[in-house]
């Protein structure tokens, strides 16, 4: 099981995360604040007390998230760093046009 090794609180109920396997990203806690177990996290001073613990993250009054939940959220709810298929096709077409124009000049 992957372990959270870094949990740095950010603004807007987000946490900068790093795992033992090198996965990094921002975990957004806002969607979970509606649950009664996490109500206390709405207090920004208390929210900033987050720390890595037991493979996941935890607060002093034992609210916690598992590393599985955090990693899933980072990998599935954040925009990909890879261009979508349409963008890469457009880029290839532009590169080919550029090459064709430079060949025609000779």
Protein backbone atom coordinates (compact mmCIF):
# COMPACT_ATOMS: atom_id res chain seq x y z
CA UNK A 1 0.00 0.00 0.00
CA UNK A 2 1.24 3.46 -0.92
CA UNK A 3 1.97 5.80 1.98
CA UNK A 4 1.45 9.55 2.11
CA UNK A 5 4.81 11.08 3.01
CA UNK A 6 3.96 14.77 2.53
CA UNK A 7 0.72 16.61 3.27
CA UNK A 8 0.93 20.39 3.09
CA UNK A 9 -2.32 22.32 3.63
CA UNK A 10 -3.14 24.88 0.95
CA UNK A 11 -5.88 27.48 0.58
CA UNK A 12 -9.46 26.56 -0.28
CA UNK A 13 -9.43 23.19 1.58
CA UNK A 14 -6.80 21.59 -0.63
CA UNK A 15 -3.72 19.62 0.40
CA UNK A 16 -0.45 19.20 -1.51
CA UNK A 17 0.30 15.46 -1.45
CA UNK A 18 3.36 13.27 -2.13
CA UNK A 19 3.28 9.48 -1.81
CA UNK A 20 6.05 6.96 -1.20
CA UNK A 21 5.82 5.84 -4.84
CA UNK A 22 6.25 9.39 -6.16
CA UNK A 23 2.62 10.22 -6.97
CA UNK A 24 2.03 13.90 -6.31
CA UNK A 25 -0.87 16.26 -6.70
CA UNK A 26 -3.48 18.28 -4.91
CA UNK A 27 -6.19 16.58 -2.88
CA UNK A 28 -9.39 18.64 -2.69
CA UNK A 29 -11.19 18.07 0.61
CA UNK A 30 -14.14 20.40 -0.18
CA UNK A 31 -16.41 17.64 -1.56
CA UNK A 32 -16.13 15.80 1.77
CA UNK A 33 -16.93 18.74 4.06
CA UNK A 34 -20.69 18.08 3.90
CA UNK A 35 -20.29 14.86 5.86
CA UNK A 36 -20.77 15.17 9.61
CA UNK A 37 -17.44 13.43 10.33
CA UNK A 38 -15.55 16.18 8.51
CA UNK A 39 -17.51 19.26 9.68
CA UNK A 40 -14.65 20.31 11.99
CA UNK A 41 -12.34 20.63 8.97
CA UNK A 42 -14.28 23.74 7.91
CA UNK A 43 -12.33 25.58 10.62
CA UNK A 44 -9.33 26.78 8.61
CA UNK A 45 -6.96 26.78 11.61
CA UNK A 46 -7.91 23.20 12.41
CA UNK A 47 -7.69 22.18 8.74
CA UNK A 48 -4.05 23.33 8.69
CA UNK A 49 -3.19 20.71 11.37
CA UNK A 50 -3.28 17.87 8.80
CA UNK A 51 -0.38 15.41 8.86
CA UNK A 52 0.59 12.12 7.21
CA UNK A 53 -0.47 9.14 9.38
CA UNK A 54 -1.30 5.43 8.97
CA UNK A 55 -0.64 5.43 5.19
CA UNK A 56 -3.04 8.38 4.69
CA UNK A 57 -3.59 11.77 6.30
CA UNK A 58 -5.10 12.64 9.66
CA UNK A 59 -6.17 15.51 11.92
CA UNK A 60 -5.88 15.67 15.74
CA UNK A 61 -9.49 14.55 16.37
CA UNK A 62 -8.94 11.50 14.14
CA UNK A 63 -10.65 12.60 10.94
CA UNK A 64 -8.70 10.83 8.22
CA UNK A 65 -8.45 9.87 4.57
CA UNK A 66 -6.79 6.73 3.30
CA UNK A 67 -4.01 6.89 0.74
CA UNK A 68 -6.27 4.94 -1.66
CA UNK A 69 -8.93 7.67 -1.55
CA UNK A 70 -6.36 10.43 -1.98
CA UNK A 71 -4.54 8.75 -4.88
CA UNK A 72 -7.79 7.94 -6.67
CA UNK A 73 -8.87 11.56 -6.34
CA UNK A 74 -5.54 12.91 -7.60
CA UNK A 75 -5.52 10.56 -10.60
CA UNK A 76 -9.18 10.85 -11.57
CA UNK A 77 -10.38 14.34 -10.81
CA UNK A 78 -7.48 16.49 -11.95
CA UNK A 79 -6.79 17.54 -15.54
CA UNK A 80 -4.32 15.32 -17.32
CA UNK A 81 -0.86 16.58 -18.16
CA UNK A 82 -1.18 14.91 -21.57
CA UNK A 83 -2.71 16.71 -24.52
CA UNK A 84 -5.96 15.30 -25.78
CA UNK A 85 -6.04 13.47 -29.10
CA UNK A 86 -7.46 16.45 -30.97
CA UNK A 87 -4.66 18.74 -29.73
CA UNK A 88 -1.91 16.32 -30.73
CA UNK A 89 -3.45 15.82 -34.21
CA UNK A 90 -3.67 19.59 -34.66
CA UNK A 91 -0.04 19.94 -33.62
CA UNK A 92 1.07 17.28 -36.12
CA UNK A 93 -0.85 18.98 -38.94
CA UNK A 94 0.78 22.32 -38.12
CA UNK A 95 4.24 20.73 -38.06
CA UNK A 96 3.65 19.03 -41.42
CA UNK A 97 2.43 22.28 -42.98
CA UNK A 98 5.52 24.04 -41.68
CA UNK A 99 7.83 21.38 -43.15
CA UNK A 100 5.96 21.45 -46.48
CA UNK A 101 6.34 25.23 -46.75
CA UNK A 102 10.07 25.07 -46.08
CA UNK A 103 10.50 22.33 -48.75
CA UNK A 104 8.57 24.35 -51.36
CA UNK A 105 11.00 27.29 -50.97
CA UNK A 106 13.84 25.27 -52.53
